[in-house]
C-alpha atoms as a PDB file:
ATOM      1  CA  MET A   1     -70.047 -26.354 -49.672  1.00  0.00           C
ATOM      2  CA  ILE A   2     -66.285 -26.427 -49.880  1.00  0.00           C
ATOM      3  CA  ALA A   3     -63.704 -24.187 -48.240  1.00  0.00           C
ATOM      4  CA  ARG A   4     -59.991 -23.541 -48.234  1.00  0.00           C
ATOM      5  CA  THR A   5     -57.788 -21.416 -45.995  1.00  0.00           C
ATOM      6  CA  VAL A   6     -55.192 -19.170 -47.613  1.00  0.00           C
ATOM      7  CA  CYS A   7     -52.480 -17.052 -46.018  1.00  0.00           C
ATOM      8  CA  ILE A   8     -52.086 -13.621 -47.650  1.00  0.00           C
ATOM      9  CA  GLN A   9     -48.453 -13.240 -48.759  1.00  0.00           C
ATOM     10  CA  ASN A  10     -48.648  -9.886 -50.518  1.00  0.00           C
ATOM     11  CA  PRO A  11     -46.703  -7.266 -48.488  1.00  0.00           C
ATOM     12  CA  SER A  12     -49.509  -4.743 -48.962  1.00  0.00           C
ATOM     13  CA  GLY A  13     -52.222  -7.209 -48.020  1.00  0.00           C
ATOM     14  CA  LEU A  14     -55.488  -7.110 -49.922  1.00  0.00           C
ATOM     15  CA  HIS A  15     -55.580  -3.372 -50.639  1.00  0.00           C
ATOM     16  CA  ALA A  16     -58.131  -1.550 -52.815  1.00  0.00           C
ATOM     17  CA  ARG A  17     -56.861  -2.528 -56.267  1.00  0.00           C
ATOM     18  CA  LEU A  18     -56.320  -6.168 -55.368  1.00  0.00           C
ATOM     19  CA  ALA A  19     -59.637  -6.368 -53.505  1.00  0.00           C
ATOM     20  CA  SER A  20     -61.309  -4.999 -56.630  1.00  0.00           C
ATOM     21  CA  LEU A  21     -59.673  -7.656 -58.812  1.00  0.00           C
ATOM     22  CA  PHE A  22     -60.603 -10.396 -56.327  1.00  0.00           C
ATOM     23  CA  CYS A  23     -64.248  -9.256 -56.238  1.00  0.00           C
ATOM     24  CA  ALA A  24     -64.397  -9.062 -60.028  1.00  0.00           C
ATOM     25  CA  LYS A  25     -63.092 -12.628 -60.241  1.00  0.00           C
ATOM     26  CA  ALA A  26     -65.631 -13.791 -57.623  1.00  0.00           C
ATOM     27  CA  ARG A  27     -68.458 -12.220 -59.639  1.00  0.00           C
ATOM     28  CA  GLN A  28     -67.585 -14.490 -62.584  1.00  0.00           C
ATOM     29  CA  TYR A  29     -69.091 -17.483 -60.763  1.00  0.00           C
ATOM     30  CA  HIS A  30     -72.658 -18.475 -59.956  1.00  0.00           C
ATOM     31  CA  SER A  31     -71.716 -19.985 -56.590  1.00  0.00           C
ATOM     32  CA  ARG A  32     -72.215 -18.171 -53.308  1.00  0.00           C
ATOM     33  CA  ILE A  33     -68.719 -17.128 -52.211  1.00  0.00           C
ATOM     34  CA  VAL A  34     -67.987 -15.924 -48.689  1.00  0.00           C
ATOM     35  CA  VAL A  35     -64.648 -14.965 -47.173  1.00  0.00           C
ATOM     36  CA  ARG A  36     -64.009 -15.472 -43.472  1.00  0.00           C
ATOM     37  CA  ALA A  37     -61.428 -13.035 -42.137  1.00  0.00           C
ATOM     38  CA  GLY A  38     -61.082 -13.317 -38.378  1.00  0.00           C
ATOM     39  CA  ARG A  39     -64.615 -13.232 -37.007  1.00  0.00           C
ATOM     40  CA  GLN A  40     -66.071 -11.510 -40.071  1.00  0.00           C
ATOM     41  CA  PHE A  41     -67.935 -13.255 -42.879  1.00  0.00           C
ATOM     42  CA  ILE A  42     -67.799 -11.165 -46.054  1.00  0.00           C
ATOM     43  CA  SER A  43     -69.392 -11.548 -49.468  1.00  0.00           C
ATOM     44  CA  ALA A  44     -66.546 -11.975 -51.939  1.00  0.00           C
ATOM     45  CA  ARG A  45     -68.544  -9.895 -54.420  1.00  0.00           C
ATOM     46  CA  ASN A  46     -68.668  -6.771 -52.211  1.00  0.00           C
ATOM     47  CA  ILE A  47     -65.567  -4.622 -52.584  1.00  0.00           C
ATOM     48  CA  LEU A  48     -66.464  -2.235 -49.761  1.00  0.00           C
ATOM     49  CA  ASP A  49     -66.809  -5.085 -47.284  1.00  0.00           C
ATOM     50  CA  MET A  50     -63.586  -6.679 -48.532  1.00  0.00           C
ATOM     51  CA  MET A  51     -61.676  -3.430 -48.073  1.00  0.00           C
ATOM     52  CA  ALA A  52     -63.267  -2.794 -44.662  1.00  0.00           C
ATOM     53  CA  ALA A  53     -61.996  -6.188 -43.475  1.00  0.00           C
ATOM     54  CA  ASN A  54     -58.458  -4.748 -43.670  1.00  0.00           C
ATOM     55  CA  ILE A  55     -56.863  -8.038 -44.725  1.00  0.00           C
ATOM     56  CA  SER A  56     -53.118  -7.736 -44.229  1.00  0.00           C
ATOM     57  CA  GLN A  57     -49.968  -9.717 -45.004  1.00  0.00           C
ATOM     58  CA  GLY A  58     -49.683 -12.893 -42.973  1.00  0.00           C
ATOM     59  CA  GLN A  59     -53.397 -13.029 -42.216  1.00  0.00           C
ATOM     60  CA  SER A  60     -55.205 -16.275 -42.986  1.00  0.00           C
ATOM     61  CA  ILE A  61     -58.606 -16.101 -44.617  1.00  0.00           C
ATOM     62  CA  THR A  62     -60.992 -18.904 -45.500  1.00  0.00           C
ATOM     63  CA  ILE A  63     -62.895 -18.905 -48.774  1.00  0.00           C
ATOM     64  CA  HIS A  64     -66.232 -20.759 -48.680  1.00  0.00           C
ATOM     65  CA  CYS A  65     -67.931 -21.637 -51.985  1.00  0.00           C
ATOM     66  CA  ASP A  66     -71.338 -23.200 -52.429  1.00  0.00           C
ATOM     67  CA  GLY A  67     -72.978 -23.777 -55.789  1.00  0.00           C
ATOM     68  CA  GLU A  68     -72.794 -25.366 -59.197  1.00  0.00           C
ATOM     69  CA  ASP A  69     -69.286 -24.111 -60.027  1.00  0.00           C
ATOM     70  CA  GLN A  70     -67.864 -24.169 -56.491  1.00  0.00           C
ATOM     71  CA  ASP A  71     -64.826 -26.309 -57.334  1.00  0.00           C
ATOM     72  CA  GLN A  72     -63.665 -24.050 -60.150  1.00  0.00           C
ATOM     73  CA  ALA A  73     -64.422 -20.884 -58.165  1.00  0.00           C
ATOM     74  CA  LEU A  74     -62.420 -22.050 -55.158  1.00  0.00           C
ATOM     75  CA  ALA A  75     -59.488 -23.202 -57.287  1.00  0.00           C
ATOM     76  CA  ASP A  76     -59.343 -19.926 -59.236  1.00  0.00           C
ATOM     77  CA  LEU A  77     -59.737 -17.638 -56.225  1.00  0.00           C
ATOM     78  CA  THR A  78     -57.100 -19.433 -54.147  1.00  0.00           C
ATOM     79  CA  ALA A  79     -54.709 -19.422 -57.117  1.00  0.00           C
ATOM     80  CA  PHE A  80     -55.336 -15.696 -57.565  1.00  0.00           C
ATOM     81  CA  LEU A  81     -54.503 -14.992 -53.915  1.00  0.00           C
ATOM     82  CA  ALA A  82     -51.418 -17.246 -53.987  1.00  0.00           C
ATOM     83  CA  ALA A  83     -50.054 -15.320 -56.970  1.00  0.00           C
ATOM     84  CA  LEU A  84     -50.413 -11.894 -55.308  1.00  0.00           C
ATOM     85  CA  ILE A  85     -46.854 -10.793 -54.748  1.00  0.00           C
ATOM     86  CA  GLU A  86     -45.993  -7.259 -55.795  1.00  0.00           C
END
């Protein structure tokens, strides 16, 4: 299992459209991917849980990946979040 912490820079946070794109990207991988936001652990594949976490600008989240393609999944998902500036 590998993990990386990312600070959300997007002024709107991880709102519905961006959460949907993030979940779609997470579903491309075979690894188990979990996001830790505060005290919550959320499946990165579940858009309703991602939206319910209410991830806002300046909040740090940790992405945990475990599986055969964990390195690529973590690299792609952190790059996706780093590029989110509207």
